[in-house]
Amino acid sequence: MTQTRITTIGGSAAVLISTEILEQMGVQIGDAVDVAVVDNTLVVRRVDEDDKPERTLEEIIDEIFERRADAYRRLAEGAE
């Protein structure tokens, strides 16, 4: 078990999750997860593809561009 602290980001409370734990869960930054409290325990569960709501092509493209914005910006600026 890994220990971490509750912190704040903006006006919300946040628990930072290591990359190693994200990999073990099979999720990455930007993925949807289910969050629940069971017997005073915070449970974070990956949303499986079958459980995910259908997204439009526009939403998928927007997400890809958002995730890769830095790479696209560097490509547009050209090689130095």
N, C-alpha and C. Protein backbone atom coordinates (compact mmCIF):
# COMPACT_ATOMS: atom_id res chain seq x y z
N MET A 1 0.85 -1.17 0.00
CA MET A 1 0.00 0.00 0.00
C MET A 1 0.90 1.24 0.00
N THR A 2 0.49 2.25 -0.74
CA THR A 2 1.23 3.49 -0.83
C THR A 2 0.52 4.57 -0.05
N GLN A 3 1.28 5.36 0.69
CA GLN A 3 0.69 6.43 1.48
C GLN A 3 0.86 7.76 0.76
N THR A 4 -0.17 8.59 0.79
CA THR A 4 -0.13 9.90 0.16
C THR A 4 -0.91 10.86 1.03
N ARG A 5 -0.94 12.13 0.68
CA ARG A 5 -1.67 13.13 1.46
C ARG A 5 -2.76 13.76 0.61
N ILE A 6 -3.77 14.25 1.29
CA ILE A 6 -4.81 15.02 0.62
C ILE A 6 -4.29 16.44 0.50
N THR A 7 -4.41 17.01 -0.70
CA THR A 7 -3.93 18.35 -0.96
C THR A 7 -5.06 19.15 -1.60
N THR A 8 -4.79 20.37 -1.96
CA THR A 8 -5.81 21.16 -2.65
C THR A 8 -5.30 21.57 -4.03
N ILE A 9 -6.22 21.59 -4.95
CA ILE A 9 -5.96 22.09 -6.30
C ILE A 9 -7.14 22.98 -6.62
N GLY A 10 -6.87 24.26 -6.80
CA GLY A 10 -7.97 25.20 -6.94
C GLY A 10 -8.75 25.22 -5.63
N GLY A 11 -10.05 25.08 -5.69
CA GLY A 11 -10.85 25.04 -4.48
C GLY A 11 -11.27 23.64 -4.09
N SER A 12 -10.65 22.62 -4.71
CA SER A 12 -11.05 21.23 -4.46
C SER A 12 -9.96 20.47 -3.73
N ALA A 13 -10.38 19.42 -3.03
CA ALA A 13 -9.43 18.50 -2.40
C ALA A 13 -8.96 17.52 -3.47
N ALA A 14 -7.71 17.07 -3.36
CA ALA A 14 -7.16 16.15 -4.35
C ALA A 14 -6.26 15.13 -3.68
N VAL A 15 -6.27 13.93 -4.23
CA VAL A 15 -5.35 12.88 -3.82
C VAL A 15 -4.48 12.60 -5.04
N LEU A 16 -3.17 12.75 -4.90
CA LEU A 16 -2.27 12.52 -6.02
C LEU A 16 -2.00 11.02 -6.14
N ILE A 17 -2.12 10.51 -7.36
CA ILE A 17 -1.95 9.08 -7.62
C ILE A 17 -0.72 8.91 -8.51
N SER A 18 0.19 8.05 -8.09
CA SER A 18 1.43 7.86 -8.83
C SER A 18 1.18 7.20 -10.18
N THR A 19 2.10 7.40 -11.10
CA THR A 19 2.03 6.79 -12.42
C THR A 19 1.99 5.28 -12.30
N GLU A 20 2.75 4.74 -11.36
CA GLU A 20 2.79 3.29 -11.16
C GLU A 20 1.40 2.74 -10.82
N ILE A 21 0.68 3.41 -9.94
CA ILE A 21 -0.66 2.96 -9.56
C ILE A 21 -1.62 3.11 -10.74
N LEU A 22 -1.51 4.22 -11.48
CA LEU A 22 -2.36 4.40 -12.67
C LEU A 22 -2.14 3.24 -13.65
N GLU A 23 -0.89 2.87 -13.85
CA GLU A 23 -0.57 1.77 -14.76
C GLU A 23 -1.17 0.47 -14.25
N GLN A 24 -1.09 0.23 -12.95
CA GLN A 24 -1.66 -0.99 -12.37
C GLN A 24 -3.18 -1.03 -12.55
N MET A 25 -3.80 0.14 -12.51
CA MET A 25 -5.25 0.22 -12.70
C MET A 25 -5.64 0.13 -14.17
N GLY A 26 -4.68 0.36 -15.05
CA GLY A 26 -4.97 0.35 -16.48
C GLY A 26 -5.62 1.64 -16.95
N VAL A 27 -5.29 2.75 -16.29
CA VAL A 27 -5.84 4.05 -16.67
C VAL A 27 -4.71 5.03 -16.90
N GLN A 28 -5.05 6.15 -17.55
CA GLN A 28 -4.08 7.22 -17.74
C GLN A 28 -4.77 8.55 -17.50
N ILE A 29 -3.99 9.59 -17.42
CA ILE A 29 -4.54 10.92 -17.17
C ILE A 29 -5.56 11.24 -18.25
N GLY A 30 -6.72 11.70 -17.83
CA GLY A 30 -7.79 12.03 -18.76
C GLY A 30 -8.87 10.96 -18.85
N ASP A 31 -8.57 9.73 -18.38
CA ASP A 31 -9.56 8.66 -18.42
C ASP A 31 -10.64 8.90 -17.36
N ALA A 32 -11.82 8.38 -17.62
CA ALA A 32 -12.91 8.45 -16.65
C ALA A 32 -12.77 7.32 -15.64
N VAL A 33 -13.05 7.61 -14.39
CA VAL A 33 -13.05 6.60 -13.33
C VAL A 33 -14.31 6.77 -12.49
N ASP A 34 -14.74 5.69 -11.88
CA ASP A 34 -15.83 5.74 -10.91
C ASP A 34 -15.20 5.92 -9.53
N VAL A 35 -15.78 6.80 -8.72
CA VAL A 35 -15.28 7.04 -7.37
C VAL A 35 -16.42 6.81 -6.40
N ALA A 36 -16.15 6.05 -5.33
CA ALA A 36 -17.19 5.76 -4.33
C ALA A 36 -16.52 5.62 -2.97
N VAL A 37 -17.34 5.71 -1.93
CA VAL A 37 -16.88 5.46 -0.57
C VAL A 37 -17.61 4.22 -0.08
N VAL A 38 -16.85 3.22 0.33
CA VAL A 38 -17.41 1.97 0.84
C VAL A 38 -16.77 1.69 2.19
N ASP A 39 -17.58 1.68 3.24
CA ASP A 39 -17.07 1.43 4.60
C ASP A 39 -15.88 2.34 4.93
N ASN A 40 -16.04 3.63 4.71
CA ASN A 40 -15.00 4.63 4.98
C ASN A 40 -13.74 4.45 4.14
N THR A 41 -13.86 3.74 3.02
CA THR A 41 -12.73 3.51 2.13
C THR A 41 -13.03 4.14 0.78
N LEU A 42 -12.10 4.95 0.28
CA LEU A 42 -12.26 5.56 -1.03
C LEU A 42 -11.92 4.51 -2.08
N VAL A 43 -12.84 4.27 -2.99
CA VAL A 43 -12.65 3.28 -4.06
C VAL A 43 -12.64 4.02 -5.39
N VAL A 44 -11.57 3.83 -6.16
CA VAL A 44 -11.45 4.41 -7.49
C VAL A 44 -11.37 3.24 -8.45
N ARG A 45 -12.33 3.17 -9.38
CA ARG A 45 -12.43 2.03 -10.28
C ARG A 45 -12.40 2.50 -11.72
N ARG A 46 -11.64 1.79 -12.53
CA ARG A 46 -11.57 2.08 -13.97
C ARG A 46 -12.94 1.87 -14.58
N VAL A 47 -13.33 2.74 -15.49
CA VAL A 47 -14.57 2.57 -16.23
C VAL A 47 -14.22 1.75 -17.47
N ASP A 48 -14.79 0.56 -17.56
CA ASP A 48 -14.50 -0.30 -18.70
C ASP A 48 -15.18 0.24 -19.96
N GLU A 49 -14.64 -0.13 -21.10
CA GLU A 49 -15.17 0.37 -22.38
C GLU A 49 -16.67 0.14 -22.50
N ASP A 50 -17.15 -1.01 -22.06
CA ASP A 50 -18.58 -1.32 -22.18
C ASP A 50 -19.44 -0.41 -21.31
N ASP A 51 -18.84 0.13 -20.22
CA ASP A 51 -19.57 0.98 -19.29
C ASP A 51 -19.51 2.46 -19.67
N LYS A 52 -18.57 2.80 -20.56
CA LYS A 52 -18.39 4.21 -20.92
C LYS A 52 -19.55 4.68 -21.79
N PRO A 53 -20.01 5.90 -21.55
CA PRO A 53 -21.04 6.43 -22.44
C PRO A 53 -20.44 6.66 -23.83
N GLU A 54 -21.28 6.53 -24.85
CA GLU A 54 -20.79 6.76 -26.21
C GLU A 54 -20.41 8.22 -26.39
N ARG A 55 -19.29 8.44 -27.07
CA ARG A 55 -18.85 9.80 -27.33
C ARG A 55 -18.97 10.07 -28.82
N THR A 56 -19.14 11.32 -29.14
CA THR A 56 -19.20 11.70 -30.55
C THR A 56 -17.79 11.76 -31.11
N LEU A 57 -17.68 11.69 -32.41
CA LEU A 57 -16.38 11.81 -33.06
C LEU A 57 -15.73 13.14 -32.72
N GLU A 58 -16.53 14.20 -32.66
CA GLU A 58 -16.00 15.51 -32.31
C GLU A 58 -15.38 15.51 -30.91
N GLU A 59 -16.02 14.85 -29.95
CA GLU A 59 -15.48 14.78 -28.58
C GLU A 59 -14.17 14.01 -28.56
N ILE A 60 -14.10 12.94 -29.32
CA ILE A 60 -12.88 12.13 -29.37
C ILE A 60 -11.74 12.93 -29.99
N ILE A 61 -12.01 13.62 -31.10
CA ILE A 61 -10.98 14.43 -31.76
C ILE A 61 -10.52 15.56 -30.85
N ASP A 62 -11.46 16.24 -30.19
CA ASP A 62 -11.10 17.31 -29.25
C ASP A 62 -10.18 16.79 -28.15
N GLU A 63 -10.48 15.61 -27.63
CA GLU A 63 -9.66 15.02 -26.57
C GLU A 63 -8.25 14.72 -27.07
N ILE A 64 -8.15 14.17 -28.27
CA ILE A 64 -6.83 13.86 -28.84
C ILE A 64 -6.03 15.15 -29.01
N PHE A 65 -6.63 16.19 -29.58
CA PHE A 65 -5.91 17.45 -29.77
C PHE A 65 -5.52 18.07 -28.43
N GLU A 66 -6.37 17.95 -27.44
CA GLU A 66 -6.05 18.50 -26.12
C GLU A 66 -4.86 17.76 -25.50
N ARG A 67 -4.88 16.43 -25.58
CA ARG A 67 -3.78 15.64 -25.01
C ARG A 67 -2.46 15.90 -25.72
N ARG A 68 -2.51 16.14 -27.01
CA ARG A 68 -1.29 16.28 -27.82
C ARG A 68 -0.99 17.72 -28.21
N ALA A 69 -1.60 18.69 -27.56
CA ALA A 69 -1.48 20.10 -27.94
C ALA A 69 -0.02 20.54 -28.02
N ASP A 70 0.80 20.16 -27.05
CA ASP A 70 2.20 20.59 -27.06
C ASP A 70 2.94 20.04 -28.28
N ALA A 71 2.71 18.79 -28.60
CA ALA A 71 3.38 18.18 -29.75
C ALA A 71 2.95 18.87 -31.04
N TYR A 72 1.66 19.13 -31.19
CA TYR A 72 1.18 19.80 -32.39
C TYR A 72 1.73 21.23 -32.50
N ARG A 73 1.83 21.91 -31.35
CA ARG A 73 2.38 23.27 -31.34
C ARG A 73 3.84 23.24 -31.80
N ARG A 74 4.62 22.27 -31.29
CA ARG A 74 6.03 22.18 -31.68
C ARG A 74 6.16 21.86 -33.17
N LEU A 75 5.29 20.98 -33.68
CA LEU A 75 5.33 20.66 -35.11
C LEU A 75 5.01 21.89 -35.94
N ALA A 76 4.05 22.68 -35.51
CA ALA A 76 3.66 23.87 -36.26
C ALA A 76 4.77 24.91 -36.27
N GLU A 77 5.58 24.96 -35.20
CA GLU A 77 6.68 25.92 -35.11
C GLU A 77 7.84 25.50 -36.00
N GLY A 78 7.95 24.21 -36.31
CA GLY A 78 9.00 23.70 -37.17
C GLY A 78 10.29 23.41 -36.41
N ALA A 79 11.20 22.77 -37.09
CA ALA A 79 12.48 22.40 -36.50
C ALA A 79 13.36 23.63 -36.34
N GLU A 80 14.17 23.59 -35.29
CA GLU A 80 15.10 24.71 -35.05
C GLU A 80 16.49 24.36 -35.50
